[in-house]
Amino acid sequence: MSVLRETDDGPAVVVCDTCRFSAEDRESPEGVRGGALLAMALREAAAGSGVAIQTMPCLFNCGQHCSVHLRAPGKIGYVLGRFEPTAEAARAILDYAVAYADSDEGVVPYRQWPEGVKGHFIVRVPPAGKLVAD
């Protein structure tokens, strides 16, 4: 039995759909996980953007609620977290993801970062077979 499933290999925001609603609360007052709410908001924002919104249970970043992983073939990947599951956060993530998808190696100049993603980066992951140069 495999724990992996096939998905498109293009630019994507992978959303942890089991993430906590906030640092304090596991679920919204309506009983919905924050990751599921963020995934819904991202899907609405992503229409026609060329960036896929993919979901999976648990990115193992449980201390940082509402986490996402930006990835694309041959590009540096990023894990971001500590978002509120809102349309505004989704818009900032998606705006960054579009600039990321348009970049050569996954590097978006800081001056182009939406305010809503600043302070949310947790880790960058080099693509397979490569390391980030000094």
N, C-alpha and C. Protein backbone atom coordinates (compact mmCIF):
# COMPACT_ATOMS: atom_id res chain seq x y z
N MET A 1 0.84 -1.18 0.00
CA MET A 1 0.00 0.00 0.00
C MET A 1 0.88 1.24 0.00
N SER A 2 0.71 2.12 -0.94
CA SER A 2 1.51 3.33 -1.05
C SER A 2 0.83 4.48 -0.30
N VAL A 3 1.64 5.32 0.32
CA VAL A 3 1.12 6.52 0.96
C VAL A 3 1.12 7.70 -0.02
N LEU A 4 1.72 7.52 -1.19
CA LEU A 4 1.80 8.58 -2.19
C LEU A 4 0.70 8.42 -3.23
N ARG A 5 0.23 9.54 -3.76
CA ARG A 5 -0.72 9.52 -4.87
C ARG A 5 -0.19 10.45 -5.96
N GLU A 6 -0.54 10.15 -7.17
CA GLU A 6 -0.10 10.95 -8.32
C GLU A 6 -0.82 12.30 -8.34
N THR A 7 -0.12 13.31 -8.84
CA THR A 7 -0.70 14.64 -9.02
C THR A 7 0.03 15.33 -10.15
N ASP A 8 -0.49 16.42 -10.62
CA ASP A 8 0.18 17.19 -11.67
C ASP A 8 1.53 17.67 -11.15
N ASP A 9 2.49 17.82 -12.07
CA ASP A 9 3.86 18.15 -11.70
C ASP A 9 4.21 19.62 -11.98
N GLY A 10 3.23 20.47 -12.17
CA GLY A 10 3.50 21.88 -12.44
C GLY A 10 3.57 22.69 -11.16
N PRO A 11 3.64 24.01 -11.27
CA PRO A 11 3.67 24.87 -10.09
C PRO A 11 2.44 24.63 -9.23
N ALA A 12 2.67 24.50 -7.93
CA ALA A 12 1.56 24.18 -7.03
C ALA A 12 1.77 24.75 -5.64
N VAL A 13 0.65 25.02 -5.00
CA VAL A 13 0.63 25.29 -3.57
C VAL A 13 -0.02 24.05 -2.95
N VAL A 14 0.76 23.34 -2.15
CA VAL A 14 0.24 22.17 -1.45
C VAL A 14 -0.20 22.63 -0.07
N VAL A 15 -1.47 22.44 0.23
CA VAL A 15 -2.05 22.92 1.47
C VAL A 15 -2.26 21.75 2.42
N CYS A 16 -1.81 21.91 3.65
CA CYS A 16 -2.11 20.94 4.70
C CYS A 16 -3.56 21.15 5.09
N ASP A 17 -4.45 20.24 4.67
CA ASP A 17 -5.87 20.45 4.94
C ASP A 17 -6.30 20.01 6.34
N THR A 18 -5.35 19.51 7.13
CA THR A 18 -5.66 19.15 8.52
C THR A 18 -5.04 20.12 9.52
N CYS A 19 -4.43 21.19 9.04
CA CYS A 19 -3.79 22.18 9.91
C CYS A 19 -4.79 22.80 10.88
N ARG A 20 -4.25 23.20 12.01
CA ARG A 20 -5.04 23.88 13.03
C ARG A 20 -5.61 25.19 12.49
N PHE A 21 -6.67 25.65 13.07
CA PHE A 21 -7.30 26.92 12.72
C PHE A 21 -6.41 28.09 13.15
N SER A 22 -5.81 27.97 14.31
CA SER A 22 -4.92 29.01 14.86
C SER A 22 -3.98 28.34 15.85
N ALA A 23 -3.08 29.12 16.42
CA ALA A 23 -2.17 28.57 17.42
C ALA A 23 -2.95 28.05 18.62
N GLU A 24 -4.07 28.66 18.91
CA GLU A 24 -4.87 28.29 20.08
C GLU A 24 -5.94 27.25 19.79
N ASP A 25 -6.54 27.30 18.60
CA ASP A 25 -7.71 26.48 18.30
C ASP A 25 -7.46 25.49 17.18
N ARG A 26 -7.93 24.28 17.40
CA ARG A 26 -7.80 23.22 16.40
C ARG A 26 -8.76 23.46 15.23
N GLU A 27 -9.97 23.91 15.53
CA GLU A 27 -11.00 24.11 14.51
C GLU A 27 -11.65 25.47 14.65
N SER A 28 -12.31 25.90 13.60
CA SER A 28 -13.09 27.14 13.64
C SER A 28 -14.27 26.95 14.58
N PRO A 29 -14.97 28.02 14.93
CA PRO A 29 -16.18 27.87 15.75
C PRO A 29 -17.21 26.93 15.09
N GLU A 30 -17.16 26.80 13.76
CA GLU A 30 -18.08 25.92 13.04
C GLU A 30 -17.56 24.48 12.95
N GLY A 31 -16.40 24.20 13.53
CA GLY A 31 -15.86 22.85 13.53
C GLY A 31 -15.03 22.47 12.32
N VAL A 32 -14.49 23.46 11.60
CA VAL A 32 -13.70 23.20 10.39
C VAL A 32 -12.24 23.52 10.66
N ARG A 33 -11.36 22.65 10.21
CA ARG A 33 -9.92 22.88 10.36
C ARG A 33 -9.48 24.08 9.55
N GLY A 34 -8.49 24.81 10.05
CA GLY A 34 -7.97 25.98 9.35
C GLY A 34 -7.42 25.66 7.98
N GLY A 35 -6.72 24.53 7.87
CA GLY A 35 -6.16 24.15 6.58
C GLY A 35 -7.22 23.92 5.52
N ALA A 36 -8.33 23.34 5.91
CA ALA A 36 -9.42 23.12 4.97
C ALA A 36 -10.01 24.46 4.52
N LEU A 37 -10.15 25.40 5.45
CA LEU A 37 -10.66 26.73 5.10
C LEU A 37 -9.68 27.47 4.18
N LEU A 38 -8.38 27.37 4.49
CA LEU A 38 -7.38 28.03 3.65
C LEU A 38 -7.37 27.41 2.25
N ALA A 39 -7.50 26.10 2.15
CA ALA A 39 -7.54 25.44 0.85
C ALA A 39 -8.72 25.93 0.02
N MET A 40 -9.89 26.08 0.65
CA MET A 40 -11.06 26.60 -0.07
C MET A 40 -10.81 28.02 -0.57
N ALA A 41 -10.23 28.86 0.28
CA ALA A 41 -9.96 30.24 -0.12
C ALA A 41 -8.92 30.29 -1.24
N LEU A 42 -7.92 29.42 -1.18
CA LEU A 42 -6.91 29.38 -2.24
C LEU A 42 -7.50 28.92 -3.56
N ARG A 43 -8.38 27.94 -3.52
CA ARG A 43 -9.00 27.47 -4.77
C ARG A 43 -9.81 28.59 -5.43
N GLU A 44 -10.51 29.36 -4.62
CA GLU A 44 -11.27 30.49 -5.17
C GLU A 44 -10.34 31.53 -5.79
N ALA A 45 -9.23 31.82 -5.12
CA ALA A 45 -8.29 32.83 -5.60
C ALA A 45 -7.51 32.36 -6.82
N ALA A 46 -7.30 31.06 -6.96
CA ALA A 46 -6.39 30.52 -7.97
C ALA A 46 -7.00 30.34 -9.34
N ALA A 47 -8.28 30.52 -9.50
CA ALA A 47 -8.93 30.27 -10.79
C ALA A 47 -8.21 31.02 -11.91
N GLY A 48 -7.73 30.27 -12.89
CA GLY A 48 -7.07 30.85 -14.05
C GLY A 48 -5.65 31.33 -13.83
N SER A 49 -5.06 31.06 -12.67
CA SER A 49 -3.72 31.57 -12.35
C SER A 49 -2.59 30.73 -12.91
N GLY A 50 -2.87 29.47 -13.26
CA GLY A 50 -1.80 28.58 -13.70
C GLY A 50 -1.09 27.89 -12.55
N VAL A 51 -1.51 28.17 -11.32
CA VAL A 51 -0.94 27.53 -10.14
C VAL A 51 -1.98 26.58 -9.57
N ALA A 52 -1.61 25.31 -9.44
CA ALA A 52 -2.54 24.32 -8.89
C ALA A 52 -2.61 24.44 -7.38
N ILE A 53 -3.78 24.20 -6.84
CA ILE A 53 -3.95 24.11 -5.39
C ILE A 53 -4.19 22.63 -5.09
N GLN A 54 -3.27 22.05 -4.36
CA GLN A 54 -3.33 20.63 -4.02
C GLN A 54 -3.41 20.50 -2.51
N THR A 55 -4.08 19.47 -2.03
CA THR A 55 -4.20 19.27 -0.59
C THR A 55 -3.67 17.91 -0.20
N MET A 56 -3.21 17.85 1.02
CA MET A 56 -2.81 16.58 1.62
C MET A 56 -2.92 16.72 3.13
N PRO A 57 -3.10 15.62 3.81
CA PRO A 57 -3.16 15.69 5.27
C PRO A 57 -1.77 15.80 5.87
N CYS A 58 -1.57 16.76 6.69
CA CYS A 58 -0.40 16.96 7.53
C CYS A 58 0.93 17.11 6.79
N LEU A 59 1.45 18.31 6.85
CA LEU A 59 2.80 18.59 6.36
C LEU A 59 3.84 18.42 7.47
N PHE A 60 3.41 17.92 8.63
CA PHE A 60 4.29 17.72 9.79
C PHE A 60 4.86 19.05 10.29
N ASN A 61 4.08 20.09 10.19
CA ASN A 61 4.48 21.41 10.65
C ASN A 61 3.44 21.91 11.65
N CYS A 62 3.05 21.02 12.53
CA CYS A 62 1.90 21.25 13.41
C CYS A 62 2.07 22.44 14.36
N GLY A 63 3.28 22.84 14.66
CA GLY A 63 3.50 24.00 15.51
C GLY A 63 3.27 25.32 14.79
N GLN A 64 3.06 25.26 13.48
CA GLN A 64 2.88 26.47 12.66
C GLN A 64 1.57 26.32 11.89
N HIS A 65 0.44 26.68 12.48
CA HIS A 65 -0.87 26.47 11.88
C HIS A 65 -0.98 27.03 10.46
N CYS A 66 -1.91 26.46 9.71
CA CYS A 66 -2.19 26.86 8.32
C CYS A 66 -0.92 26.93 7.48
N SER A 67 -0.34 25.76 7.23
CA SER A 67 0.91 25.66 6.48
C SER A 67 0.67 25.27 5.03
N VAL A 68 1.56 25.77 4.16
CA VAL A 68 1.52 25.45 2.73
C VAL A 68 2.95 25.18 2.26
N HIS A 69 3.05 24.44 1.16
CA HIS A 69 4.34 24.17 0.52
C HIS A 69 4.23 24.63 -0.93
N LEU A 70 5.10 25.55 -1.34
CA LEU A 70 5.17 25.98 -2.74
C LEU A 70 6.21 25.12 -3.43
N ARG A 71 5.84 24.58 -4.59
CA ARG A 71 6.78 23.74 -5.31
C ARG A 71 6.54 23.81 -6.81
N ALA A 72 7.62 23.52 -7.55
CA ALA A 72 7.56 23.40 -9.00
C ALA A 72 8.82 22.65 -9.42
N PRO A 73 8.76 21.91 -10.52
CA PRO A 73 9.92 21.13 -10.96
C PRO A 73 11.16 22.01 -11.15
N GLY A 74 12.27 21.57 -10.59
CA GLY A 74 13.56 22.25 -10.76
C GLY A 74 13.71 23.54 -10.00
N LYS A 75 12.73 23.87 -9.13
CA LYS A 75 12.79 25.14 -8.38
C LYS A 75 12.93 24.88 -6.89
N ILE A 76 13.49 25.86 -6.21
CA ILE A 76 13.53 25.83 -4.76
C ILE A 76 12.09 25.79 -4.26
N GLY A 77 11.83 24.96 -3.27
CA GLY A 77 10.50 24.90 -2.67
C GLY A 77 10.51 25.66 -1.35
N TYR A 78 9.34 26.08 -0.90
CA TYR A 78 9.22 26.83 0.34
C TYR A 78 8.05 26.30 1.16
N VAL A 79 8.25 26.24 2.46
CA VAL A 79 7.16 25.95 3.39
C VAL A 79 6.88 27.24 4.15
N LEU A 80 5.62 27.62 4.15
CA LEU A 80 5.17 28.82 4.86
C LEU A 80 4.07 28.40 5.82
N GLY A 81 3.90 29.16 6.89
CA GLY A 81 2.85 28.84 7.85
C GLY A 81 2.48 30.03 8.70
N ARG A 82 1.63 29.76 9.69
CA ARG A 82 1.13 30.78 10.62
C ARG A 82 0.18 31.75 9.92
N PHE A 83 -0.59 31.26 8.96
CA PHE A 83 -1.56 32.10 8.27
C PHE A 83 -2.91 32.03 8.97
N GLU A 84 -3.70 33.06 8.80
CA GLU A 84 -5.11 32.99 9.14
C GLU A 84 -5.80 32.40 7.91
N PRO A 85 -6.79 31.55 8.08
CA PRO A 85 -7.44 30.93 6.91
C PRO A 85 -8.48 31.87 6.29
N THR A 86 -7.97 32.95 5.68
CA THR A 86 -8.84 33.99 5.12
C THR A 86 -8.58 34.19 3.64
N ALA A 87 -9.51 34.88 2.99
CA ALA A 87 -9.34 35.23 1.58
C ALA A 87 -8.13 36.14 1.39
N GLU A 88 -7.85 37.02 2.35
CA GLU A 88 -6.70 37.93 2.23
C GLU A 88 -5.39 37.14 2.27
N ALA A 89 -5.28 36.18 3.17
CA ALA A 89 -4.07 35.35 3.24
C ALA A 89 -3.93 34.54 1.96
N ALA A 90 -5.03 33.97 1.49
CA ALA A 90 -5.00 33.19 0.26
C ALA A 90 -4.53 34.03 -0.92
N ARG A 91 -5.01 35.27 -1.00
CA ARG A 91 -4.60 36.16 -2.09
C ARG A 91 -3.09 36.43 -2.04
N ALA A 92 -2.56 36.69 -0.85
CA ALA A 92 -1.12 36.94 -0.71
C ALA A 92 -0.31 35.71 -1.09
N ILE A 93 -0.73 34.54 -0.63
CA ILE A 93 -0.04 33.29 -0.97
C ILE A 93 -0.07 33.08 -2.47
N LEU A 94 -1.24 33.27 -3.08
CA LEU A 94 -1.36 33.05 -4.51
C LEU A 94 -0.56 34.07 -5.31
N ASP A 95 -0.59 35.33 -4.92
CA ASP A 95 0.22 36.34 -5.62
C ASP A 95 1.69 35.97 -5.58
N TYR A 96 2.17 35.51 -4.42
CA TYR A 96 3.56 35.07 -4.33
C TYR A 96 3.77 33.83 -5.22
N ALA A 97 2.83 32.89 -5.19
CA ALA A 97 2.97 31.66 -5.97
C ALA A 97 3.03 31.93 -7.46
N VAL A 98 2.28 32.92 -7.95
CA VAL A 98 2.33 33.27 -9.37
C VAL A 98 3.71 33.84 -9.72
N ALA A 99 4.24 34.72 -8.89
CA ALA A 99 5.59 35.26 -9.13
C ALA A 99 6.63 34.14 -9.04
N TYR A 100 6.44 33.23 -8.11
CA TYR A 100 7.32 32.07 -7.96
C TYR A 100 7.28 31.21 -9.23
N ALA A 101 6.09 30.93 -9.73
CA ALA A 101 5.94 30.12 -10.94
C ALA A 101 6.61 30.78 -12.14
N ASP A 102 6.57 32.11 -12.19
CA ASP A 102 7.18 32.84 -13.29
C ASP A 102 8.70 32.98 -13.18
N SER A 103 9.26 32.67 -12.01
CA SER A 103 10.71 32.80 -11.81
C SER A 103 11.45 31.61 -12.42
N ASP A 104 12.75 31.81 -12.66
CA ASP A 104 13.55 30.74 -13.26
C ASP A 104 13.85 29.61 -12.29
N GLU A 105 14.21 29.96 -11.05
CA GLU A 105 14.65 28.94 -10.09
C GLU A 105 13.84 28.94 -8.79
N GLY A 106 12.76 29.71 -8.75
CA GLY A 106 11.95 29.76 -7.54
C GLY A 106 12.33 30.89 -6.61
N VAL A 107 13.13 31.83 -7.10
CA VAL A 107 13.56 32.95 -6.28
C VAL A 107 12.79 34.21 -6.73
N VAL A 108 12.02 34.75 -5.81
CA VAL A 108 11.25 35.97 -6.08
C VAL A 108 11.93 37.11 -5.30
N PRO A 109 12.34 38.18 -5.96
CA PRO A 109 12.97 39.29 -5.25
C PRO A 109 12.07 39.81 -4.11
N TYR A 110 12.69 40.10 -2.99
CA TYR A 110 11.94 40.52 -1.80
C TYR A 110 11.01 41.69 -2.09
N ARG A 111 11.42 42.61 -2.91
CA ARG A 111 10.58 43.78 -3.22
C ARG A 111 9.28 43.40 -3.91
N GLN A 112 9.20 42.18 -4.44
CA GLN A 112 7.99 41.71 -5.10
C GLN A 112 7.10 40.86 -4.18
N TRP A 113 7.56 40.61 -2.96
CA TRP A 113 6.76 39.79 -2.05
C TRP A 113 5.53 40.55 -1.59
N PRO A 114 4.37 39.95 -1.63
CA PRO A 114 3.19 40.58 -1.03
C PRO A 114 3.39 40.69 0.49
N GLU A 115 2.89 41.76 1.08
CA GLU A 115 3.02 41.95 2.53
C GLU A 115 2.51 40.73 3.30
N GLY A 116 1.47 40.11 2.79
CA GLY A 116 0.83 39.01 3.50
C GLY A 116 1.64 37.74 3.63
N VAL A 117 2.78 37.63 2.92
CA VAL A 117 3.64 36.44 3.10
C VAL A 117 4.88 36.74 3.91
N LYS A 118 5.18 38.00 4.08
CA LYS A 118 6.39 38.36 4.85
C LYS A 118 6.23 37.89 6.29
N GLY A 119 7.27 37.22 6.80
CA GLY A 119 7.23 36.70 8.16
C GLY A 119 6.60 35.31 8.27
N HIS A 120 6.20 34.74 7.14
CA HIS A 120 5.54 33.43 7.16
C HIS A 120 6.42 32.30 6.62
N PHE A 121 7.61 32.62 6.12
CA PHE A 121 8.48 31.59 5.57
C PHE A 121 9.10 30.79 6.72
N ILE A 122 9.10 29.47 6.56
CA ILE A 122 9.62 28.59 7.60
C ILE A 122 10.89 27.88 7.12
N VAL A 123 10.86 27.38 5.88
CA VAL A 123 12.02 26.65 5.36
C VAL A 123 12.01 26.72 3.83
N ARG A 124 13.21 26.68 3.25
CA ARG A 124 13.32 26.53 1.80
C ARG A 124 13.97 25.17 1.54
N VAL A 125 13.54 24.53 0.47
CA VAL A 125 13.97 23.17 0.16
C VAL A 125 14.56 23.16 -1.24
N PRO A 126 15.83 22.78 -1.39
CA PRO A 126 16.40 22.74 -2.73
C PRO A 126 15.77 21.63 -3.56
N PRO A 127 15.70 21.81 -4.87
CA PRO A 127 15.16 20.75 -5.72
C PRO A 127 16.12 19.56 -5.74
N ALA A 128 15.58 18.41 -6.07
CA ALA A 128 16.39 17.19 -6.13
C ALA A 128 17.60 17.39 -7.03
N GLY A 129 18.77 16.97 -6.56
CA GLY A 129 19.99 17.06 -7.34
C GLY A 129 20.67 18.39 -7.35
N LYS A 130 20.17 19.36 -6.55
CA LYS A 130 20.77 20.69 -6.52
C LYS A 130 20.82 21.22 -5.10
N LEU A 131 21.69 22.21 -4.89
CA LEU A 131 21.78 22.94 -3.64
C LEU A 131 21.79 24.42 -3.97
N VAL A 132 21.35 25.24 -3.05
CA VAL A 132 21.38 26.69 -3.24
C VAL A 132 22.82 27.15 -3.09
N ALA A 133 23.30 27.95 -4.05
CA ALA A 133 24.67 28.47 -4.00
C ALA A 133 24.76 29.61 -3.00
N ASP A 134 25.98 29.92 -2.58
CA ASP A 134 26.19 31.03 -1.64
C ASP A 134 25.91 32.35 -2.28
